[in-house]
PDB file of N, CA and C in Angstrom:
ATOM      1  N   MET A   1       0.940  -1.178  -0.075  1.00  0.00           N
ATOM      2  CA  MET A   1       0.012  -0.048  -0.021  1.00  0.00           C
ATOM      3  C   MET A   1       0.960   1.236   0.013  1.00  0.00           C
ATOM      4  N   SER A   2       0.570   2.158  -0.845  1.00  0.00           N
ATOM      5  CA  SER A   2       1.433   3.289  -1.005  1.00  0.00           C
ATOM      6  C   SER A   2       0.813   4.509  -0.170  1.00  0.00           C
ATOM      7  N   VAL A   3       1.508   5.582  -0.032  1.00  0.00           N
ATOM      8  CA  VAL A   3       1.066   6.724   0.758  1.00  0.00           C
ATOM      9  C   VAL A   3      -0.087   7.366   0.041  1.00  0.00           C
ATOM     10  N   LEU A   4      -0.166   7.241  -1.361  1.00  0.00           N
ATOM     11  CA  LEU A   4      -1.248   7.828  -2.031  1.00  0.00           C
ATOM     12  C   LEU A   4      -2.565   6.931  -1.782  1.00  0.00           C
ATOM     13  N   ASP A   5      -2.468   5.696  -1.670  1.00  0.00           N
ATOM     14  CA  ASP A   5      -3.616   4.910  -1.308  1.00  0.00           C
ATOM     15  C   ASP A   5      -4.250   5.164  -0.031  1.00  0.00           C
ATOM     16  N   ILE A   6      -3.310   5.411   0.971  1.00  0.00           N
ATOM     17  CA  ILE A   6      -3.788   5.822   2.202  1.00  0.00           C
ATOM     18  C   ILE A   6      -4.461   7.158   2.234  1.00  0.00           C
ATOM     19  N   ALA A   7      -3.961   8.139   1.561  1.00  0.00           N
ATOM     20  CA  ALA A   7      -4.510   9.500   1.542  1.00  0.00           C
ATOM     21  C   ALA A   7      -5.860   9.512   0.834  1.00  0.00           C
ATOM     22  N   THR A   8      -6.193   8.535  -0.091  1.00  0.00           N
ATOM     23  CA  THR A   8      -7.451   8.630  -0.897  1.00  0.00           C
ATOM     24  C   THR A   8      -8.355   7.673  -0.289  1.00  0.00           C
ATOM     25  N   ARG A   9      -8.183   6.920   0.721  1.00  0.00           N
ATOM     26  CA  ARG A   9      -9.226   6.112   1.231  1.00  0.00           C
ATOM     27  C   ARG A   9     -10.423   6.789   1.690  1.00  0.00           C
ATOM     28  N   PRO A  10     -11.640   6.351   1.614  1.00  0.00           N
ATOM     29  CA  PRO A  10     -12.767   7.206   1.978  1.00  0.00           C
ATOM     30  C   PRO A  10     -12.898   7.438   3.457  1.00  0.00           C
ATOM     31  N   ASP A  11     -12.327   6.544   4.264  1.00  0.00           N
ATOM     32  CA  ASP A  11     -12.361   6.732   5.664  1.00  0.00           C
ATOM     33  C   ASP A  11     -11.332   7.474   6.312  1.00  0.00           C
ATOM     34  N   ALA A  12     -10.380   8.076   5.464  1.00  0.00           N
ATOM     35  CA  ALA A  12      -9.181   8.914   5.911  1.00  0.00           C
ATOM     36  C   ALA A  12      -9.727  10.345   6.124  1.00  0.00           C
ATOM     37  N   LYS A  13      -9.729  10.751   7.462  1.00  0.00           N
ATOM     38  CA  LYS A  13     -10.141  12.165   7.760  1.00  0.00           C
ATOM     39  C   LYS A  13      -9.110  13.159   7.696  1.00  0.00           C
ATOM     40  N   THR A  14      -7.839  12.743   8.167  1.00  0.00           N
ATOM     41  CA  THR A  14      -6.706  13.667   8.153  1.00  0.00           C
ATOM     42  C   THR A  14      -5.532  12.843   7.673  1.00  0.00           C
ATOM     43  N   VAL A  15      -4.716  13.477   6.949  1.00  0.00           N
ATOM     44  CA  VAL A  15      -3.494  12.817   6.524  1.00  0.00           C
ATOM     45  C   VAL A  15      -2.246  13.607   7.106  1.00  0.00           C
ATOM     46  N   GLN A  16      -1.307  12.939   7.736  1.00  0.00           N
ATOM     47  CA  GLN A  16      -0.149  13.608   8.236  1.00  0.00           C
ATOM     48  C   GLN A  16       0.952  13.154   7.443  1.00  0.00           C
ATOM     49  N   LEU A  17       1.680  14.165   6.750  1.00  0.00           N
ATOM     50  CA  LEU A  17       2.894  13.892   6.002  1.00  0.00           C
ATOM     51  C   LEU A  17       4.111  13.945   6.956  1.00  0.00           C
ATOM     52  N   VAL A  18       4.906  13.034   6.817  1.00  0.00           N
ATOM     53  CA  VAL A  18       6.206  13.160   7.730  1.00  0.00           C
ATOM     54  C   VAL A  18       7.332  13.039   6.652  1.00  0.00           C
ATOM     55  N   PHE A  19       8.350  13.967   6.678  1.00  0.00           N
ATOM     56  CA  PHE A  19       9.337  13.918   5.780  1.00  0.00           C
ATOM     57  C   PHE A  19      10.613  13.485   6.688  1.00  0.00           C
ATOM     58  N   ALA A  20      11.201  12.522   6.260  1.00  0.00           N
ATOM     59  CA  ALA A  20      12.389  12.019   7.038  1.00  0.00           C
ATOM     60  C   ALA A  20      13.579  11.861   6.120  1.00  0.00           C
ATOM     61  N   SER A  21      14.782  12.259   6.616  1.00  0.00           N
ATOM     62  CA  SER A  21      15.933  12.201   5.748  1.00  0.00           C
ATOM     63  C   SER A  21      16.420  10.711   5.662  1.00  0.00           C
ATOM     64  N   PRO A  22      16.965  10.318   4.683  1.00  0.00           N
ATOM     65  CA  PRO A  22      17.420   9.011   4.544  1.00  0.00           C
ATOM     66  C   PRO A  22      18.447   8.629   5.609  1.00  0.00           C
ATOM     67  N   PRO A  23      18.496   7.339   5.924  1.00  0.00           N
ATOM     68  CA  PRO A  23      19.389   6.901   7.003  1.00  0.00           C
ATOM     69  C   PRO A  23      20.902   7.090   6.615  1.00  0.00           C
ATOM     70  N   CYS A  24      21.637   7.532   7.632  1.00  0.00           N
ATOM     71  CA  CYS A  24      23.054   7.866   7.404  1.00  0.00           C
ATOM     72  C   CYS A  24      23.748   6.437   7.144  1.00  0.00           C
ATOM     73  N   THR A  25      24.458   6.499   6.000  1.00  0.00           N
ATOM     74  CA  THR A  25      25.233   5.299   5.620  1.00  0.00           C
ATOM     75  C   THR A  25      26.757   5.533   5.630  1.00  0.00           C
ATOM     76  N   GLY A  26      27.165   6.808   6.011  1.00  0.00           N
ATOM     77  CA  GLY A  26      28.544   7.125   5.883  1.00  0.00           C
ATOM     78  C   GLY A  26      29.437   6.373   6.944  1.00  0.00           C
ATOM     79  N   HIS A  27      28.916   6.022   8.042  1.00  0.00           N
ATOM     80  CA  HIS A  27      29.735   5.310   9.028  1.00  0.00           C
ATOM     81  C   HIS A  27      30.064   3.873   8.674  1.00  0.00           C
ATOM     82  N   SER A  28      29.259   3.217   7.898  1.00  0.00           N
ATOM     83  CA  SER A  28      29.445   1.834   7.572  1.00  0.00           C
ATOM     84  C   SER A  28      30.096   1.621   6.226  1.00  0.00           C
ATOM     85  N   ARG A  29      30.288   2.679   5.459  1.00  0.00           N
ATOM     86  CA  ARG A  29      30.803   2.706   4.217  1.00  0.00           C
ATOM     87  C   ARG A  29      32.360   3.135   4.238  1.00  0.00           C
ATOM     88  N   PRO A  30      33.138   2.527   3.254  1.00  0.00           N
ATOM     89  CA  PRO A  30      34.469   3.084   3.211  1.00  0.00           C
ATOM     90  C   PRO A  30      34.463   4.397   2.739  1.00  0.00           C
ATOM     91  N   VAL A  31      35.435   5.249   2.954  1.00  0.00           N
ATOM     92  CA  VAL A  31      35.553   6.626   2.540  1.00  0.00           C
ATOM     93  C   VAL A  31      35.719   6.629   1.028  1.00  0.00           C
ATOM     94  N   MET A  32      34.904   7.376   0.377  1.00  0.00           N
ATOM     95  CA  MET A  32      34.879   7.506  -1.080  1.00  0.00           C
ATOM     96  C   MET A  32      35.375   8.845  -1.417  1.00  0.00           C
ATOM     97  N   ARG A  33      36.262   8.849  -2.581  1.00  0.00           N
ATOM     98  CA  ARG A  33      36.766  10.090  -3.012  1.00  0.00           C
ATOM     99  C   ARG A  33      35.802  10.997  -3.676  1.00  0.00           C
ATOM    100  N   ALA A  34      35.853  12.207  -3.415  1.00  0.00           N
ATOM    101  CA  ALA A  34      34.957  13.094  -4.048  1.00  0.00           C
ATOM    102  C   ALA A  34      35.096  13.180  -5.507  1.00  0.00           C
ATOM    103  N   LEU A  35      34.118  13.435  -6.217  1.00  0.00           N
ATOM    104  CA  LEU A  35      34.176  13.477  -7.677  1.00  0.00           C
ATOM    105  C   LEU A  35      34.946  14.693  -8.167  1.00  0.00           C
ATOM    106  N   VAL A  36      34.824  15.744  -7.495  1.00  0.00           N
ATOM    107  CA  VAL A  36      35.542  17.058  -7.802  1.00  0.00           C
ATOM    108  C   VAL A  36      36.436  17.388  -6.679  1.00  0.00           C
ATOM    109  N   THR A  37      37.781  17.507  -6.917  1.00  0.00           N
ATOM    110  CA  THR A  37      38.658  17.893  -5.878  1.00  0.00           C
ATOM    111  C   THR A  37      39.149  19.348  -6.300  1.00  0.00           C
ATOM    112  N   SER A  38      39.900  19.887  -5.346  1.00  0.00           N
ATOM    113  CA  SER A  38      40.399  21.219  -5.619  1.00  0.00           C
ATOM    114  C   SER A  38      41.530  21.212  -6.552  1.00  0.00           C
ATOM    115  N   PHE A  39      42.092  20.051  -7.019  1.00  0.00           N
ATOM    116  CA  PHE A  39      42.976  19.955  -8.043  1.00  0.00           C
ATOM    117  C   PHE A  39      42.634  19.121  -9.251  1.00  0.00           C
ATOM    118  N   ARG A  40      41.276  19.217  -9.532  1.00  0.00           N
ATOM    119  CA  ARG A  40      40.750  18.371 -10.506  1.00  0.00           C
ATOM    120  C   ARG A  40      41.424  18.622 -11.860  1.00  0.00           C
ATOM    121  N   ALA A  41      41.698  19.929 -12.112  1.00  0.00           N
ATOM    122  CA  ALA A  41      42.359  20.248 -13.349  1.00  0.00           C
ATOM    123  C   ALA A  41      43.674  19.513 -13.546  1.00  0.00           C
ATOM    124  N   CYS A  42      44.378  19.513 -12.397  1.00  0.00           N
ATOM    125  CA  CYS A  42      45.679  18.857 -12.372  1.00  0.00           C
ATOM    126  C   CYS A  42      45.626  17.365 -12.638  1.00  0.00           C
ATOM    127  N   GLU A  43      44.507  16.774 -12.029  1.00  0.00           N
ATOM    128  CA  GLU A  43      44.358  15.381 -12.220  1.00  0.00           C
ATOM    129  C   GLU A  43      44.065  14.925 -13.664  1.00  0.00           C
ATOM    130  N   LEU A  44      43.562  15.833 -14.474  1.00  0.00           N
ATOM    131  CA  LEU A  44      43.222  15.617 -15.870  1.00  0.00           C
ATOM    132  C   LEU A  44      44.326  15.991 -16.805  1.00  0.00           C
ATOM    133  N   CYS A  45      45.271  16.866 -16.275  1.00  0.00           N
ATOM    134  CA  CYS A  45      46.250  17.465 -17.123  1.00  0.00           C
ATOM    135  C   CYS A  45      47.434  16.396 -17.459  1.00  0.00           C
ATOM    136  N   ILE A  46      47.969  16.569 -18.624  1.00  0.00           N
ATOM    137  CA  ILE A  46      49.028  15.642 -19.045  1.00  0.00           C
ATOM    138  C   ILE A  46      50.306  15.985 -18.409  1.00  0.00           C
ATOM    139  N   HIS A  47      50.470  17.114 -17.775  1.00  0.00           N
ATOM    140  CA  HIS A  47      51.698  17.408 -17.084  1.00  0.00           C
ATOM    141  C   HIS A  47      51.736  16.908 -15.722  1.00  0.00           C
ATOM    142  N   SER A  48      50.658  16.276 -15.239  1.00  0.00           N
ATOM    143  CA  SER A  48      50.751  15.671 -13.855  1.00  0.00           C
ATOM    144  C   SER A  48      51.610  14.396 -13.894  1.00  0.00           C
ATOM    145  N   THR A  49      52.224  14.201 -12.794  1.00  0.00           N
ATOM    146  CA  THR A  49      53.008  12.883 -12.660  1.00  0.00           C
ATOM    147  C   THR A  49      52.885  12.397 -11.265  1.00  0.00           C
ATOM    148  N   ALA A  50      52.828  10.996 -11.046  1.00  0.00           N
ATOM    149  CA  ALA A  50      52.569  10.506  -9.723  1.00  0.00           C
ATOM    150  C   ALA A  50      53.892   9.998  -9.204  1.00  0.00           C
ATOM    151  N   ARG A  51      54.152  10.501  -8.029  1.00  0.00           N
ATOM    152  CA  ARG A  51      55.383   9.915  -7.266  1.00  0.00           C
ATOM    153  C   ARG A  51      55.050   9.630  -5.842  1.00  0.00           C
ATOM    154  N   ALA A  52      55.314   8.565  -5.366  1.00  0.00           N
ATOM    155  CA  ALA A  52      55.020   8.152  -3.898  1.00  0.00           C
ATOM    156  C   ALA A  52      53.566   8.421  -3.583  1.00  0.00           C
ATOM    157  N   GLY A  53      52.678   8.014  -4.507  1.00  0.00           N
ATOM    158  CA  GLY A  53      51.295   8.201  -4.230  1.00  0.00           C
ATOM    159  C   GLY A  53      50.735   9.542  -4.241  1.00  0.00           C
ATOM    160  N   ARG A  54      51.501  10.599  -4.726  1.00  0.00           N
ATOM    161  CA  ARG A  54      51.031  11.813  -4.774  1.00  0.00           C
ATOM    162  C   ARG A  54      51.089  12.430  -6.241  1.00  0.00           C
ATOM    163  N   LEU A  55      50.305  13.282  -6.625  1.00  0.00           N
ATOM    164  CA  LEU A  55      50.416  13.975  -7.849  1.00  0.00           C
ATOM    165  C   LEU A  55      51.323  15.090  -7.789  1.00  0.00           C
ATOM    166  N   LEU A  56      52.129  15.281  -8.774  1.00  0.00           N
ATOM    167  CA  LEU A  56      53.118  16.389  -8.861  1.00  0.00           C
ATOM    168  C   LEU A  56      52.815  17.126 -10.183  1.00  0.00           C
ATOM    169  N   CYS A  57      53.107  18.308 -10.295  1.00  0.00           N
ATOM    170  CA  CYS A  57      53.129  19.188 -11.612  1.00  0.00           C
ATOM    171  C   CYS A  57      54.489  18.999 -12.227  1.00  0.00           C
ATOM    172  N   ASP A  58      54.417  18.725 -13.573  1.00  0.00           N
ATOM    173  CA  ASP A  58      55.576  18.671 -14.366  1.00  0.00           C
ATOM    174  C   ASP A  58      55.485  19.464 -15.637  1.00  0.00           C
ATOM    175  N   SER A  59      54.709  20.642 -15.497  1.00  0.00           N
ATOM    176  CA  SER A  59      54.600  21.458 -16.707  1.00  0.00           C
ATOM    177  C   SER A  59      55.816  21.992 -17.229  1.00  0.00           C
ATOM    178  N   PRO A  60      55.867  22.558 -18.425  1.00  0.00           N
ATOM    179  CA  PRO A  60      57.091  23.151 -19.005  1.00  0.00           C
ATOM    180  C   PRO A  60      57.736  24.201 -18.033  1.00  0.00           C
ATOM    181  N   ALA A  61      56.864  25.051 -17.365  1.00  0.00           N
ATOM    182  CA  ALA A  61      57.415  26.046 -16.496  1.00  0.00           C
ATOM    183  C   ALA A  61      58.059  25.448 -15.256  1.00  0.00           C
ATOM    184  N   VAL A  62      57.562  24.320 -14.845  1.00  0.00           N
ATOM    185  CA  VAL A  62      58.126  23.666 -13.703  1.00  0.00           C
ATOM    186  C   VAL A  62      59.420  22.997 -13.990  1.00  0.00           C
ATOM    187  N   ARG A  63      59.520  22.437 -15.337  1.00  0.00           N
ATOM    188  CA  ARG A  63      60.732  21.772 -15.687  1.00  0.00           C
ATOM    189  C   ARG A  63      61.877  22.753 -15.644  1.00  0.00           C
ATOM    190  N   LEU A  64      61.721  24.029 -15.727  1.00  0.00           N
ATOM    191  CA  LEU A  64      62.852  25.017 -15.614  1.00  0.00           C
ATOM    192  C   LEU A  64      63.558  24.973 -14.276  1.00  0.00           C
ATOM    193  N   THR A  65      62.753  24.566 -13.290  1.00  0.00           N
ATOM    194  CA  THR A  65      63.288  24.422 -11.941  1.00  0.00           C
ATOM    195  C   THR A  65      64.000  23.119 -11.633  1.00  0.00           C
ATOM    196  N   GLY A  66      63.839  22.188 -12.573  1.00  0.00           N
ATOM    197  CA  GLY A  66      64.606  20.971 -12.480  1.00  0.00           C
ATOM    198  C   GLY A  66      63.919  19.647 -12.009  1.00  0.00           C
ATOM    199  N   GLN A  67      62.778  19.906 -11.292  1.00  0.00           N
ATOM    200  CA  GLN A  67      62.094  18.705 -10.785  1.00  0.00           C
ATOM    201  C   GLN A  67      60.571  19.089 -10.565  1.00  0.00           C
ATOM    202  N   PRO A  68      59.693  18.015 -10.670  1.00  0.00           N
ATOM    203  CA  PRO A  68      58.301  18.305 -10.459  1.00  0.00           C
ATOM    204  C   PRO A  68      58.018  18.861  -9.035  1.00  0.00           C
ATOM    205  N   GLU A  69      56.969  19.660  -8.931  1.00  0.00           N
ATOM    206  CA  GLU A  69      56.709  20.194  -7.730  1.00  0.00           C
ATOM    207  C   GLU A  69      55.284  19.895  -7.245  1.00  0.00           C
ATOM    208  N   ALA A  70      54.955  20.024  -5.973  1.00  0.00           N
ATOM    209  CA  ALA A  70      53.686  19.669  -5.402  1.00  0.00           C
ATOM    210  C   ALA A  70      52.625  20.535  -5.975  1.00  0.00           C
ATOM    211  N   LEU A  71      51.383  19.952  -6.206  1.00  0.00           N
ATOM    212  CA  LEU A  71      50.341  20.704  -6.767  1.00  0.00           C
ATOM    213  C   LEU A  71      50.028  21.997  -5.947  1.00  0.00           C
ATOM    214  N   GLU A  72      50.106  21.813  -4.655  1.00  0.00           N
ATOM    215  CA  GLU A  72      49.809  23.134  -3.830  1.00  0.00           C
ATOM    216  C   GLU A  72      50.734  24.218  -4.151  1.00  0.00           C
ATOM    217  N   VAL A  73      52.011  23.915  -4.445  1.00  0.00           N
ATOM    218  CA  VAL A  73      53.011  24.910  -4.757  1.00  0.00           C
ATOM    219  C   VAL A  73      52.723  25.435  -6.134  1.00  0.00           C
ATOM    220  N   ALA A  74      52.595  24.551  -7.217  1.00  0.00           N
ATOM    221  CA  ALA A  74      52.427  24.883  -8.588  1.00  0.00           C
ATOM    222  C   ALA A  74      51.046  25.816  -8.743  1.00  0.00           C
ATOM    223  N   ARG A  75      50.010  25.442  -7.967  1.00  0.00           N
ATOM    224  CA  ARG A  75      48.727  26.146  -8.172  1.00  0.00           C
ATOM    225  C   ARG A  75      48.503  27.313  -7.246  1.00  0.00           C
ATOM    226  N   ALA A  76      49.557  27.606  -6.361  1.00  0.00           N
ATOM    227  CA  ALA A  76      49.459  28.732  -5.507  1.00  0.00           C
ATOM    228  C   ALA A  76      49.447  30.117  -6.409  1.00  0.00           C
ATOM    229  N   ALA A  77      49.092  31.146  -5.748  1.00  0.00           N
ATOM    230  CA  ALA A  77      48.892  32.425  -6.469  1.00  0.00           C
ATOM    231  C   ALA A  77      50.241  32.888  -7.183  1.00  0.00           C
ATOM    232  N   THR A  78      51.485  32.448  -6.535  1.00  0.00           N
ATOM    233  CA  THR A  78      52.717  32.853  -7.015  1.00  0.00           C
ATOM    234  C   THR A  78      53.383  31.658  -7.652  1.00  0.00           C
ATOM    235  N   GLY A  79      52.533  30.555  -7.813  1.00  0.00           N
ATOM    236  CA  GLY A  79      53.147  29.276  -8.390  1.00  0.00           C
ATOM    237  C   GLY A  79      53.349  29.359  -9.896  1.00  0.00           C
ATOM    238  N   SER A  80      54.016  28.308 -10.459  1.00  0.00           N
ATOM    239  CA  SER A  80      54.305  28.262 -11.814  1.00  0.00           C
ATOM    240  C   SER A  80      53.087  28.164 -12.738  1.00  0.00           C
ATOM    241  N   CYS A  81      51.983  27.611 -12.221  1.00  0.00           N
ATOM    242  CA  CYS A  81      50.843  27.407 -12.988  1.00  0.00           C
ATOM    243  C   CYS A  81      49.634  28.317 -12.501  1.00  0.00           C
ATOM    244  N   GLY A  82      49.747  28.635 -11.297  1.00  0.00           N
ATOM    245  CA  GLY A  82      48.774  29.625 -10.776  1.00  0.00           C
ATOM    246  C   GLY A  82      47.346  29.026 -10.453  1.00  0.00           C
ATOM    247  N   PRO A  83      46.530  29.762  -9.838  1.00  0.00           N
ATOM    248  CA  PRO A  83      45.139  29.261  -9.449  1.00  0.00           C
ATOM    249  C   PRO A  83      44.268  28.976 -10.719  1.00  0.00           C
ATOM    250  N   ASN A  84      44.633  29.560 -11.912  1.00  0.00           N
ATOM    251  CA  ASN A  84      43.774  29.314 -13.044  1.00  0.00           C
ATOM    252  C   ASN A  84      44.306  28.274 -14.002  1.00  0.00           C
ATOM    253  N   ALA A  85      45.330  27.509 -13.459  1.00  0.00           N
ATOM    254  CA  ALA A  85      45.958  26.402 -14.320  1.00  0.00           C
ATOM    255  C   ALA A  85      46.375  26.807 -15.629  1.00  0.00           C
ATOM    256  N   ARG A  86      47.167  27.680 -15.689  1.00  0.00           N
ATOM    257  CA  ARG A  86      47.771  28.372 -16.895  1.00  0.00           C
ATOM    258  C   ARG A  86      48.302  27.311 -17.886  1.00  0.00           C
ATOM    259  N   HIS A  87      48.869  26.288 -17.485  1.00  0.00           N
ATOM    260  CA  HIS A  87      49.508  25.364 -18.405  1.00  0.00           C
ATOM    261  C   HIS A  87      48.702  24.023 -18.679  1.00  0.00           C
ATOM    262  N   LEU A  88      47.428  24.051 -18.174  1.00  0.00           N
ATOM    263  CA  LEU A  88      46.506  23.001 -18.305  1.00  0.00           C
ATOM    264  C   LEU A  88      46.519  22.405 -19.689  1.00  0.00           C
ATOM    265  N   ASP A  89      46.731  21.224 -19.925  1.00  0.00           N
ATOM    266  CA  ASP A  89      46.512  20.584 -21.240  1.00  0.00           C
ATOM    267  C   ASP A  89      46.152  19.138 -21.099  1.00  0.00           C
ATOM    268  N   MET A  90      45.038  18.943 -21.768  1.00  0.00           N
ATOM    269  CA  MET A  90      44.378  17.522 -21.703  1.00  0.00           C
ATOM    270  C   MET A  90      44.415  16.881 -22.965  1.00  0.00           C
ATOM    271  N   PRO A  91      44.556  15.559 -22.938  1.00  0.00           N
ATOM    272  CA  PRO A  91      44.620  14.696 -24.210  1.00  0.00           C
ATOM    273  C   PRO A  91      43.426  15.009 -25.158  1.00  0.00           C
ATOM    274  N   GLY A  92      42.243  15.242 -24.611  1.00  0.00           N
ATOM    275  CA  GLY A  92      41.113  15.518 -25.455  1.00  0.00           C
ATOM    276  C   GLY A  92      41.113  16.831 -26.143  1.00  0.00           C
ATOM    277  N   TRP A  93      42.070  17.660 -25.821  1.00  0.00           N
ATOM    278  CA  TRP A  93      42.180  18.967 -26.608  1.00  0.00           C
ATOM    279  C   TRP A  93      43.133  18.826 -27.675  1.00  0.00           C
ATOM    280  N   ARG A  94      43.768  17.736 -27.921  1.00  0.00           N
ATOM    281  CA  ARG A  94      44.786  17.610 -28.980  1.00  0.00           C
ATOM    282  C   ARG A  94      44.165  17.064 -30.259  1.00  0.00           C
TER     283      ARG A  94
END
């Protein structure tokens, strides 16, 4: 029997609607990565490289320094790529 069936019964004098949030499932599930992260552009960029489980920036501007740098450093306001991801390049753009 659905809520609509209960509300349309001839002997129903009043109908009380109760809205409840879905049960919390976060505590029993493993932590899932967010779909969008603060460095999503870097995750998609061909200049990113993984070392020791971390993504590093290896853009042409960073190569001038000699080694890849942390995304936090590269995307900082004074970083080589900046907050707007100046050197972003994705395979789909080629």
